[in-house]
C-alpha atoms as a PDB file:
ATOM      1  CA  MET A   1      19.143  12.495 -25.550  1.00  0.00           C
ATOM      2  CA  GLN A   2      22.195  10.672 -24.438  1.00  0.00           C
ATOM      3  CA  THR A   3      23.510   7.116 -24.148  1.00  0.00           C
ATOM      4  CA  ARG A   4      24.619   5.859 -20.748  1.00  0.00           C
ATOM      5  CA  PRO A   5      26.405   2.689 -19.666  1.00  0.00           C
ATOM      6  CA  THR A   6      24.367  -0.365 -18.819  1.00  0.00           C
ATOM      7  CA  GLU A   7      22.464   0.279 -15.581  1.00  0.00           C
ATOM      8  CA  GLN A   8      24.234  -1.141 -12.541  1.00  0.00           C
ATOM      9  CA  SER A   9      23.035  -0.454  -9.038  1.00  0.00           C
ATOM     10  CA  THR A  10      25.363  -0.672  -6.022  1.00  0.00           C
ATOM     11  CA  LYS A  11      22.261  -1.637  -3.984  1.00  0.00           C
ATOM     12  CA  PRO A  12      20.156  -4.754  -4.332  1.00  0.00           C
ATOM     13  CA  VAL A  13      17.430  -4.494  -6.957  1.00  0.00           C
ATOM     14  CA  ILE A  14      14.143  -6.132  -6.047  1.00  0.00           C
ATOM     15  CA  ALA A  15      11.498  -6.581  -8.763  1.00  0.00           C
ATOM     16  CA  LEU A  16       7.796  -6.618  -8.035  1.00  0.00           C
ATOM     17  CA  MET A  17       6.231  -9.198 -10.286  1.00  0.00           C
ATOM     18  CA  GLY A  18       2.959 -10.986 -10.764  1.00  0.00           C
ATOM     19  CA  GLU A  19      -0.077 -11.122 -12.965  1.00  0.00           C
ATOM     20  CA  PHE A  20      -2.223  -8.157 -13.932  1.00  0.00           C
ATOM     21  CA  SER A  21      -4.079  -6.529 -11.018  1.00  0.00           C
ATOM     22  CA  ALA A  22      -2.209  -8.575  -8.333  1.00  0.00           C
ATOM     23  CA  GLY A  23      -1.326  -5.516  -6.301  1.00  0.00           C
ATOM     24  CA  LYS A  24       2.245  -4.761  -7.449  1.00  0.00           C
ATOM     25  CA  SER A  25       1.803  -0.963  -7.834  1.00  0.00           C
ATOM     26  CA  THR A  26      -0.093  -0.755  -4.516  1.00  0.00           C
ATOM     27  CA  LEU A  27       2.823  -2.579  -2.947  1.00  0.00           C
ATOM     28  CA  ALA A  28       5.291  -0.176  -4.564  1.00  0.00           C
ATOM     29  CA  ASN A  29       3.415   2.819  -3.179  1.00  0.00           C
ATOM     30  CA  LEU A  30       3.139   1.234   0.253  1.00  0.00           C
ATOM     31  CA  LEU A  31       6.923   0.635   0.337  1.00  0.00           C
ATOM     32  CA  ILE A  32       7.907   4.136  -0.774  1.00  0.00           C
ATOM     33  CA  CYS A  33       5.127   5.758   1.224  1.00  0.00           C
ATOM     34  CA  GLU A  34       1.692   6.220  -0.320  1.00  0.00           C
ATOM     35  CA  GLY A  35       1.298   9.331  -2.378  1.00  0.00           C
ATOM     36  CA  ARG A  36       5.003  10.096  -2.843  1.00  0.00           C
ATOM     37  CA  SER A  37       5.292   8.304  -6.169  1.00  0.00           C
ATOM     38  CA  PRO A  38       4.719  10.403  -9.291  1.00  0.00           C
ATOM     39  CA  VAL A  39       3.509   7.251 -11.094  1.00  0.00           C
ATOM     40  CA  LYS A  40      -0.212   6.600 -11.207  1.00  0.00           C
ATOM     41  CA  VAL A  41      -1.194   3.426  -9.439  1.00  0.00           C
ATOM     42  CA  THR A  42      -4.169   3.049 -11.780  1.00  0.00           C
ATOM     43  CA  ALA A  43      -2.087   3.016 -14.958  1.00  0.00           C
ATOM     44  CA  THR A  44      -3.021  -0.183 -16.790  1.00  0.00           C
ATOM     45  CA  GLN A  45      -0.279  -0.223 -19.390  1.00  0.00           C
ATOM     46  CA  ARG A  46       3.205   1.219 -18.757  1.00  0.00           C
ATOM     47  CA  PRO A  47       6.764   0.022 -18.888  1.00  0.00           C
ATOM     48  CA  PRO A  48       8.653  -1.210 -15.806  1.00  0.00           C
ATOM     49  CA  VAL A  49       9.240   1.601 -13.342  1.00  0.00           C
ATOM     50  CA  TRP A  50      12.641   1.548 -11.564  1.00  0.00           C
ATOM     51  CA  TYR A  51      12.548   3.389  -8.261  1.00  0.00           C
ATOM     52  CA  ALA A  52      15.845   4.630  -6.755  1.00  0.00           C
ATOM     53  CA  HIS A  53      16.646   6.921  -3.905  1.00  0.00           C
ATOM     54  CA  GLY A  54      17.245  10.547  -4.736  1.00  0.00           C
ATOM     55  CA  THR A  55      15.689  13.769  -6.099  1.00  0.00           C
ATOM     56  CA  ASP A  56      16.979  13.684  -9.721  1.00  0.00           C
ATOM     57  CA  ALA A  57      14.620  14.122 -12.668  1.00  0.00           C
ATOM     58  CA  PRO A  58      13.159  10.900 -14.046  1.00  0.00           C
ATOM     59  CA  TYR A  59      14.393   9.484 -17.310  1.00  0.00           C
ATOM     60  CA  ILE A  60      13.456   6.721 -19.706  1.00  0.00           C
ATOM     61  CA  VAL A  61      15.763   4.085 -21.128  1.00  0.00           C
ATOM     62  CA  ASP A  62      14.637   2.814 -24.491  1.00  0.00           C
ATOM     63  CA  VAL A  63      15.299  -0.613 -26.023  1.00  0.00           C
ATOM     64  CA  ARG A  64      18.435   0.694 -27.722  1.00  0.00           C
ATOM     65  CA  GLY A  65      19.883   1.893 -24.422  1.00  0.00           C
ATOM     66  CA  GLU A  66      19.297   5.569 -25.188  1.00  0.00           C
ATOM     67  CA  VAL A  67      18.341   7.828 -22.280  1.00  0.00           C
ATOM     68  CA  THR A  68      15.909  10.717 -22.330  1.00  0.00           C
ATOM     69  CA  THR A  69      15.229  12.892 -19.299  1.00  0.00           C
ATOM     70  CA  ILE A  70      11.543  13.691 -18.726  1.00  0.00           C
ATOM     71  CA  ASP A  71       9.447  15.439 -16.093  1.00  0.00           C
ATOM     72  CA  ASP A  72       6.866  13.895 -13.797  1.00  0.00           C
ATOM     73  CA  ALA A  73       4.019  15.015 -16.019  1.00  0.00           C
ATOM     74  CA  GLN A  74       5.346  12.999 -18.915  1.00  0.00           C
ATOM     75  CA  ILE A  75       5.726   9.649 -17.091  1.00  0.00           C
ATOM     76  CA  ASP A  76       2.276   8.285 -17.869  1.00  0.00           C
ATOM     77  CA  ASP A  77       2.625   9.179 -21.528  1.00  0.00           C
ATOM     78  CA  VAL A  78       5.784   7.104 -22.094  1.00  0.00           C
ATOM     79  CA  ARG A  79       5.490   4.705 -25.049  1.00  0.00           C
ATOM     80  CA  VAL A  80       5.394   1.177 -23.660  1.00  0.00           C
ATOM     81  CA  ALA A  81       6.709  -0.849 -26.646  1.00  0.00           C
ATOM     82  CA  SER A  82       9.896   1.115 -27.195  1.00  0.00           C
ATOM     83  CA  THR A  83      10.840   1.624 -23.525  1.00  0.00           C
ATOM     84  CA  LYS A  84      13.005  -0.715 -21.430  1.00  0.00           C
ATOM     85  CA  TYR A  85      12.155   1.051 -18.150  1.00  0.00           C
ATOM     86  CA  ILE A  86      11.517   4.412 -16.562  1.00  0.00           C
ATOM     87  CA  LYS A  87      13.944   5.459 -13.803  1.00  0.00           C
ATOM     88  CA  VAL A  88      12.163   7.436 -11.066  1.00  0.00           C
ATOM     89  CA  PHE A  89      13.901   8.972  -8.022  1.00  0.00           C
ATOM     90  CA  VAL A  90      12.070   9.206  -4.747  1.00  0.00           C
ATOM     91  CA  ALA A  91      13.439  10.355  -1.377  1.00  0.00           C
ATOM     92  CA  ALA A  92      11.910   7.392   0.456  1.00  0.00           C
ATOM     93  CA  ASP A  93      13.730   5.817   3.408  1.00  0.00           C
ATOM     94  CA  ILE A  94      13.420   2.278   2.217  1.00  0.00           C
ATOM     95  CA  LEU A  95      15.071   3.103  -1.106  1.00  0.00           C
ATOM     96  CA  GLU A  96      18.274   3.717   0.866  1.00  0.00           C
ATOM     97  CA  PHE A  97      18.448  -0.093   1.298  1.00  0.00           C
ATOM     98  CA  PHE A  98      17.455  -1.324  -2.138  1.00  0.00           C
ATOM     99  CA  ASP A  99      16.033  -0.242  -5.513  1.00  0.00           C
ATOM    100  CA  ILE A 100      12.545  -1.430  -6.631  1.00  0.00           C
ATOM    101  CA  ILE A 101      11.445  -2.279 -10.151  1.00  0.00           C
ATOM    102  CA  ASP A 102       7.658  -2.301 -10.423  1.00  0.00           C
ATOM    103  CA  MET A 103       6.892  -4.632 -13.380  1.00  0.00           C
ATOM    104  CA  PRO A 104       3.795  -4.529 -15.540  1.00  0.00           C
ATOM    105  CA  GLY A 105       1.503  -7.524 -15.174  1.00  0.00           C
ATOM    106  CA  ASN A 106       2.905 -10.478 -17.050  1.00  0.00           C
ATOM    107  CA  SER A 107      -0.586 -11.811 -17.964  1.00  0.00           C
ATOM    108  CA  ASP A 108      -1.819  -8.721 -19.816  1.00  0.00           C
ATOM    109  CA  PRO A 109      -2.843  -9.980 -23.293  1.00  0.00           C
ATOM    110  CA  ASN A 110      -2.335  -6.528 -24.736  1.00  0.00           C
ATOM    111  CA  MET A 111       1.325  -6.280 -23.633  1.00  0.00           C
ATOM    112  CA  SER A 112       4.256  -8.255 -25.037  1.00  0.00           C
ATOM    113  CA  SER A 113       6.201 -10.337 -22.470  1.00  0.00           C
ATOM    114  CA  ASP A 114       9.340  -8.770 -23.754  1.00  0.00           C
ATOM    115  CA  ILE A 115       8.388  -5.569 -21.913  1.00  0.00           C
ATOM    116  CA  TRP A 116       8.808  -7.104 -18.434  1.00  0.00           C
ATOM    117  CA  ARG A 117      11.471  -9.665 -19.403  1.00  0.00           C
ATOM    118  CA  ARG A 118      13.908  -6.918 -20.499  1.00  0.00           C
ATOM    119  CA  ALA A 119      13.915  -5.331 -17.030  1.00  0.00           C
ATOM    120  CA  SER A 120      13.723  -8.589 -14.973  1.00  0.00           C
ATOM    121  CA  ASN A 121      17.364  -9.338 -15.875  1.00  0.00           C
ATOM    122  CA  TYR A 122      18.386  -6.515 -13.477  1.00  0.00           C
ATOM    123  CA  ALA A 123      16.734  -8.128 -10.445  1.00  0.00           C
ATOM    124  CA  ASP A 124      18.705  -9.616  -7.557  1.00  0.00           C
ATOM    125  CA  GLY A 125      15.509 -10.711  -5.897  1.00  0.00           C
ATOM    126  CA  VAL A 126      11.739 -10.802  -6.577  1.00  0.00           C
ATOM    127  CA  ILE A 127       8.568 -10.151  -4.659  1.00  0.00           C
ATOM    128  CA  TRP A 128       5.857 -12.154  -6.503  1.00  0.00           C
ATOM    129  CA  CYS A 129       2.307 -10.905  -5.888  1.00  0.00           C
ATOM    130  CA  SER A 130      -0.483 -13.491  -6.299  1.00  0.00           C
ATOM    131  CA  HIS A 131      -4.159 -12.668  -5.753  1.00  0.00           C
ATOM    132  CA  ALA A 132      -5.248 -14.770  -2.809  1.00  0.00           C
ATOM    133  CA  THR A 133      -8.676 -15.705  -4.265  1.00  0.00           C
ATOM    134  CA  GLN A 134      -6.908 -17.199  -7.278  1.00  0.00           C
ATOM    135  CA  ALA A 135      -3.612 -17.911  -5.613  1.00  0.00           C
ATOM    136  CA  TRP A 136      -0.700 -19.337  -7.582  1.00  0.00           C
ATOM    137  CA  ARG A 137      -2.446 -20.136 -10.806  1.00  0.00           C
ATOM    138  CA  GLN A 138      -0.828 -22.446 -13.377  1.00  0.00           C
ATOM    139  CA  SER A 139       0.014 -19.425 -15.538  1.00  0.00           C
ATOM    140  CA  GLU A 140       1.970 -17.942 -12.655  1.00  0.00           C
ATOM    141  CA  ALA A 141       3.803 -21.242 -12.044  1.00  0.00           C
ATOM    142  CA  ALA A 142       4.716 -21.369 -15.703  1.00  0.00           C
ATOM    143  CA  ILE A 143       6.271 -17.897 -15.698  1.00  0.00           C
ATOM    144  CA  TRP A 144       8.189 -18.477 -12.513  1.00  0.00           C
ATOM    145  CA  ASP A 145       9.452 -21.761 -13.936  1.00  0.00           C
ATOM    146  CA  GLU A 146      11.236 -19.701 -16.593  1.00  0.00           C
ATOM    147  CA  MET A 147      13.036 -17.517 -14.022  1.00  0.00           C
ATOM    148  CA  PRO A 148      16.601 -18.338 -13.010  1.00  0.00           C
ATOM    149  CA  PRO A 149      16.588 -20.827 -10.154  1.00  0.00           C
ATOM    150  CA  GLU A 150      19.255 -18.775  -8.328  1.00  0.00           C
ATOM    151  CA  LEU A 151      16.510 -16.209  -7.616  1.00  0.00           C
ATOM    152  CA  TYR A 152      14.459 -18.641  -5.561  1.00  0.00           C
ATOM    153  CA  ASP A 153      16.318 -18.143  -2.269  1.00  0.00           C
ATOM    154  CA  TRP A 154      16.197 -14.397  -2.718  1.00  0.00           C
ATOM    155  CA  SER A 155      12.488 -14.012  -3.532  1.00  0.00           C
ATOM    156  CA  LEU A 156       9.263 -13.710  -1.499  1.00  0.00           C
ATOM    157  CA  LEU A 157       5.739 -14.711  -2.397  1.00  0.00           C
ATOM    158  CA  LEU A 158       2.863 -12.427  -1.314  1.00  0.00           C
ATOM    159  CA  LEU A 159      -0.764 -13.623  -1.268  1.00  0.00           C
ATOM    160  CA  THR A 160      -2.365 -10.251  -1.803  1.00  0.00           C
ATOM    161  CA  ARG A 161      -5.956  -9.184  -0.995  1.00  0.00           C
ATOM    162  CA  PHE A 162      -5.976 -11.858   1.703  1.00  0.00           C
ATOM    163  CA  ASP A 163      -8.889 -10.083   3.323  1.00  0.00           C
ATOM    164  CA  LYS A 164     -11.048 -11.206   0.380  1.00  0.00           C
ATOM    165  CA  LEU A 165     -10.953 -14.776   1.811  1.00  0.00           C
ATOM    166  CA  LEU A 166     -13.773 -14.431   4.359  1.00  0.00           C
ATOM    167  CA  THR A 167     -13.373 -17.552   6.505  1.00  0.00           C
ATOM    168  CA  GLU A 168     -10.436 -18.877   8.480  1.00  0.00           C
ATOM    169  CA  SER A 169     -10.791 -22.336   6.929  1.00  0.00           C
ATOM    170  CA  ASP A 170     -10.506 -20.870   3.430  1.00  0.00           C
ATOM    171  CA  ARG A 171      -7.442 -18.904   4.457  1.00  0.00           C
ATOM    172  CA  ARG A 172      -5.773 -21.966   5.989  1.00  0.00           C
ATOM    173  CA  ARG A 173      -6.526 -24.062   2.853  1.00  0.00           C
ATOM    174  CA  VAL A 174      -5.150 -21.466   0.486  1.00  0.00           C
ATOM    175  CA  VAL A 175      -1.936 -20.986   2.447  1.00  0.00           C
ATOM    176  CA  ALA A 176      -1.433 -24.746   2.881  1.00  0.00           C
ATOM    177  CA  ARG A 177      -1.996 -25.413  -0.808  1.00  0.00           C
ATOM    178  CA  VAL A 178       0.324 -22.627  -2.068  1.00  0.00           C
ATOM    179  CA  GLN A 179       2.978 -23.577   0.483  1.00  0.00           C
ATOM    180  CA  LYS A 180       2.902 -27.111  -0.884  1.00  0.00           C
ATOM    181  CA  GLU A 181       2.906 -26.110  -4.523  1.00  0.00           C
ATOM    182  CA  THR A 182       5.741 -23.524  -4.174  1.00  0.00           C
ATOM    183  CA  GLN A 183       8.005 -25.507  -1.802  1.00  0.00           C
ATOM    184  CA  GLY A 184      11.599 -24.597  -2.631  1.00  0.00           C
ATOM    185  CA  LEU A 185      10.627 -21.794  -5.057  1.00  0.00           C
ATOM    186  CA  PHE A 186      10.593 -18.937  -2.584  1.00  0.00           C
ATOM    187  CA  ARG A 187      12.351 -17.945   0.625  1.00  0.00           C
ATOM    188  CA  GLU A 188       9.054 -17.149   2.420  1.00  0.00           C
ATOM    189  CA  LEU A 189       5.321 -16.807   1.787  1.00  0.00           C
ATOM    190  CA  PHE A 190       3.255 -13.971   3.357  1.00  0.00           C
ATOM    191  CA  PRO A 191      -0.549 -13.457   3.279  1.00  0.00           C
ATOM    192  CA  ILE A 192      -1.203  -9.698   3.198  1.00  0.00           C
ATOM    193  CA  SER A 193      -3.946  -7.101   2.723  1.00  0.00           C
ATOM    194  CA  LEU A 194      -2.134  -4.242   1.064  1.00  0.00           C
ATOM    195  CA  LEU A 195      -5.014  -1.813   1.335  1.00  0.00           C
ATOM    196  CA  GLU A 196      -5.326  -2.428   5.044  1.00  0.00           C
ATOM    197  CA  ALA A 197      -1.595  -1.826   5.348  1.00  0.00           C
ATOM    198  CA  VAL A 198      -1.827   1.429   3.380  1.00  0.00           C
ATOM    199  CA  GLU A 199      -4.732   2.571   5.564  1.00  0.00           C
ATOM    200  CA  ALA A 200      -3.014   1.569   8.872  1.00  0.00           C
ATOM    201  CA  GLY A 201      -1.212   4.865   9.373  1.00  0.00           C
ATOM    202  CA  ASP A 202      -0.177   5.009  13.007  1.00  0.00           C
ATOM    203  CA  ASP A 203      -2.399   2.088  13.934  1.00  0.00           C
ATOM    204  CA  HIS A 204       0.182  -0.427  14.958  1.00  0.00           C
ATOM    205  CA  GLN A 205      -2.240  -3.324  15.443  1.00  0.00           C
ATOM    206  CA  GLN A 206      -3.864  -2.820  12.001  1.00  0.00           C
ATOM    207  CA  TRP A 207      -0.374  -2.809  10.471  1.00  0.00           C
ATOM    208  CA  ILE A 208       0.336  -6.092  12.133  1.00  0.00           C
ATOM    209  CA  ASP A 209      -3.091  -7.581  11.336  1.00  0.00           C
ATOM    210  CA  SER A 210      -2.719  -6.662   7.637  1.00  0.00           C
ATOM    211  CA  GLY A 211       0.295  -8.944   7.363  1.00  0.00           C
ATOM    212  CA  ALA A 212       2.614  -6.050   6.482  1.00  0.00           C
ATOM    213  CA  ASP A 213       4.692  -6.201   9.610  1.00  0.00           C
ATOM    214  CA  ALA A 214       5.859  -9.773   9.125  1.00  0.00           C
ATOM    215  CA  PHE A 215       6.489  -9.202   5.451  1.00  0.00           C
ATOM    216  CA  VAL A 216       8.526  -5.977   5.804  1.00  0.00           C
ATOM    217  CA  ARG A 217      10.626  -7.531   8.604  1.00  0.00           C
ATOM    218  CA  CYS A 218      11.577 -10.359   6.244  1.00  0.00           C
ATOM    219  CA  LEU A 219      12.041  -7.979   3.267  1.00  0.00           C
ATOM    220  CA  LEU A 220      14.577  -5.807   5.129  1.00  0.00           C
ATOM    221  CA  ALA A 221      16.449  -8.952   6.284  1.00  0.00           C
ATOM    222  CA  LEU A 222      16.486 -10.128   2.714  1.00  0.00           C
ATOM    223  CA  ALA A 223      17.841  -6.765   1.468  1.00  0.00           C
ATOM    224  CA  THR A 224      20.589  -6.912   4.051  1.00  0.00           C
ATOM    225  CA  ASP A 225      21.680 -10.380   2.949  1.00  0.00           C
ATOM    226  CA  LEU A 226      21.466  -9.332  -0.701  1.00  0.00           C
ATOM    227  CA  GLN A 227      23.643  -6.287  -0.061  1.00  0.00           C
ATOM    228  CA  THR A 228      26.293  -8.521   1.569  1.00  0.00           C
ATOM    229  CA  ARG A 229      26.092 -10.982  -1.302  1.00  0.00           C
ATOM    230  CA  LYS A 230      26.313  -8.169  -3.871  1.00  0.00           C
ATOM    231  CA  THR A 231      29.358  -6.516  -2.278  1.00  0.00           C
ATOM    232  CA  ALA A 232      31.233  -9.692  -1.416  1.00  0.00           C
ATOM    233  CA  ALA A 233      34.567 -10.344  -3.122  1.00  0.00           C
ATOM    234  CA  PRO A 234      34.204 -12.521  -6.225  1.00  0.00           C
ATOM    235  CA  SER A 235      36.148 -15.373  -4.568  1.00  0.00           C
ATOM    236  CA  ALA A 236      34.114 -15.301  -1.420  1.00  0.00           C
ATOM    237  CA  PRO A 237      31.067 -17.606  -1.159  1.00  0.00           C
ATOM    238  CA  ALA A 238      27.643 -16.029  -1.076  1.00  0.00           C
ATOM    239  CA  PRO A 239      26.098 -15.994   2.400  1.00  0.00           C
ATOM    240  CA  ALA A 240      23.387 -18.591   3.064  1.00  0.00           C
ATOM    241  CA  PRO A 241      19.998 -16.924   3.138  1.00  0.00           C
ATOM    242  CA  ALA A 242      18.048 -16.600   6.363  1.00  0.00           C
ATOM    243  CA  ARG A 243      15.424 -19.287   6.567  1.00  0.00           C
ATOM    244  CA  GLU A 244      13.061 -19.163   9.513  1.00  0.00           C
ATOM    245  CA  GLY A 245      12.116 -16.925  12.390  1.00  0.00           C
ATOM    246  CA  ALA A 246      13.448 -13.498  11.368  1.00  0.00           C
ATOM    247  CA  PRO A 247      13.567 -11.391  14.484  1.00  0.00           C
ATOM    248  CA  SER A 248      11.214  -8.482  15.002  1.00  0.00           C
ATOM    249  CA  LEU A 249      12.163  -5.436  13.038  1.00  0.00           C
ATOM    250  CA  ARG A 250       9.278  -3.227  14.201  1.00  0.00           C
ATOM    251  CA  ALA A 251      11.189  -1.535  17.010  1.00  0.00           C
ATOM    252  CA  VAL A 252      13.180   1.490  15.954  1.00  0.00           C
ATOM    253  CA  THR A 253      16.939   1.168  16.009  1.00  0.00           C
ATOM    254  CA  GLN A 254      19.602   3.717  14.943  1.00  0.00           C
ATOM    255  CA  SER A 255      22.430   1.156  14.563  1.00  0.00           C
ATOM    256  CA  ALA A 256      23.493   0.009  11.131  1.00  0.00           C
ATOM    257  CA  PRO A 257      22.620  -3.500   9.919  1.00  0.00           C
ATOM    258  CA  GLN A 258      25.345  -5.775  11.043  1.00  0.00           C
ATOM    259  CA  HIS A 259      25.467  -7.410   7.586  1.00  0.00           C
ATOM    260  CA  ALA A 260      26.121  -4.117   5.866  1.00  0.00           C
ATOM    261  CA  PRO A 261      29.543  -3.718   4.228  1.00  0.00           C
ATOM    262  CA  PRO A 262      31.805  -1.898   6.682  1.00  0.00           C
ATOM    263  CA  GLN A 263      33.022   0.608   4.093  1.00  0.00           C
ATOM    264  CA  ALA A 264      29.532   1.844   3.311  1.00  0.00           C
ATOM    265  CA  GLU A 265      28.003   4.725   5.196  1.00  0.00           C
ATOM    266  CA  ALA A 266      24.900   3.352   6.962  1.00  0.00           C
ATOM    267  CA  PRO A 267      21.682   5.150   6.107  1.00  0.00           C
ATOM    268  CA  ASP A 268      19.146   6.229   8.675  1.00  0.00           C
ATOM    269  CA  GLN A 269      17.583   3.000   9.876  1.00  0.00           C
ATOM    270  CA  THR A 270      14.220   4.387  10.819  1.00  0.00           C
ATOM    271  CA  LEU A 271      11.596   3.660   8.155  1.00  0.00           C
ATOM    272  CA  ALA A 272       7.936   4.401   7.730  1.00  0.00           C
ATOM    273  CA  ASN A 273       5.821   2.959  10.588  1.00  0.00           C
ATOM    274  CA  GLY A 274       8.970   2.671  12.721  1.00  0.00           C
ATOM    275  CA  ILE A 275      10.357  -0.331  10.860  1.00  0.00           C
ATOM    276  CA  ALA A 276      14.073  -0.903  10.814  1.00  0.00           C
ATOM    277  CA  PRO A 277      16.333  -3.769  10.152  1.00  0.00           C
ATOM    278  CA  ARG A 278      18.189  -5.780  12.768  1.00  0.00           C
ATOM    279  CA  ARG A 279      20.573  -8.608  12.543  1.00  0.00           C
ATOM    280  CA  VAL A 280      19.270 -11.932  11.242  1.00  0.00           C
ATOM    281  CA  GLU A 281      21.065 -15.106  12.180  1.00  0.00           C
ATOM    282  CA  ARG A 282      21.549 -17.266   9.124  1.00  0.00           C
ATOM    283  CA  ARG A 283      21.391 -20.986   8.918  1.00  0.00           C
ATOM    284  CA  ASP A 284      23.338 -22.950   6.374  1.00  0.00           C
ATOM    285  CA  SER A 285      21.351 -25.439   4.435  1.00  0.00           C
ATOM    286  CA  PRO A 286      22.091 -27.783   1.465  1.00  0.00           C
ATOM    287  CA  ALA A 287      21.131 -26.720  -2.036  1.00  0.00           C
ATOM    288  CA  ARG A 288      17.586 -27.697  -2.775  1.00  0.00           C
ATOM    289  CA  PRO A 289      16.548 -29.541  -5.960  1.00  0.00           C
ATOM    290  CA  ARG A 290      14.178 -27.672  -8.289  1.00  0.00           C
ATOM    291  CA  PRO A 291      10.698 -29.111  -7.653  1.00  0.00           C
ATOM    292  CA  PRO A 292       8.368 -30.105 -10.494  1.00  0.00           C
ATOM    293  CA  ARG A 293       6.037 -27.416 -11.799  1.00  0.00           C
ATOM    294  CA  PRO A 294       2.540 -27.518 -10.173  1.00  0.00           C
ATOM    295  CA  GLU A 295      -0.065 -29.021 -12.440  1.00  0.00           C
ATOM    296  CA  ALA A 296      -2.844 -26.687 -11.436  1.00  0.00           C
ATOM    297  CA  GLY A 297      -3.758 -23.819  -9.154  1.00  0.00           C
ATOM    298  CA  GLY A 298      -6.477 -21.249  -8.700  1.00  0.00           C
ATOM    299  CA  SER A 299      -8.788 -23.087  -6.293  1.00  0.00           C
ATOM    300  CA  LEU A 300      -9.289 -22.624  -2.633  1.00  0.00           C
ATOM    301  CA  GLY A 301      -8.617 -26.210  -1.706  1.00  0.00           C
END
């Protein structure tokens, strides 16, 4: 056992958040390539899992800051209450651009909110997963209302299991309602079927139809902007976030993101499914006032 300095990543850190069974761990496995994570997707109670690029042995950081190296077989036996997070290293392409913290569900009645709050302080941005059939419930809005407003421009909202809405009219109503209730709270909203995305394989059209293509394009643009913001000189203003119309990132490119800091060695740009970042033109916009918390959610209309 050893004590290490407070965890600081040179890359952006994006937290996957949402209520229990909203698809966060499925999303994590999609992003780092299904089957390559040593963490069981079906685990119902576990501490936050911090994914970083590499091949080192995993370790746990407890609430006192003490570090203990473990092996893959021990990950699912880690004590939840006394652990701040588990650090897991995976040689996944997308982790060359940003780290991922897969948070436990914040609505689990058997788990203290302190467990996910301790790790959320490390996040530069958030992907919030909301089950489409109960999209953006009041309990979700209440939790997000407690998050720092400076995260809003650097966070994405996913309506997961979107395929469970069977009619186009229901889908349009859900998207319209959630867009209205979350205006100003997220950079972008994306409907997505994560299972369809996982199953797409080399089927380009299924990948697009699942909603994953548009989401990942925006995610990589977000990570590029966050990297620029994270490495900017303290006196330099943070870049304005990209707003609308991110260009296609599906085509493979070997060039480095033009927003990447020039001193950093650019990683291989080709990701799973041929996804790679390209330059996003930013648009300056005035600061937005924090909107009032939605009164209700969870219905289709």
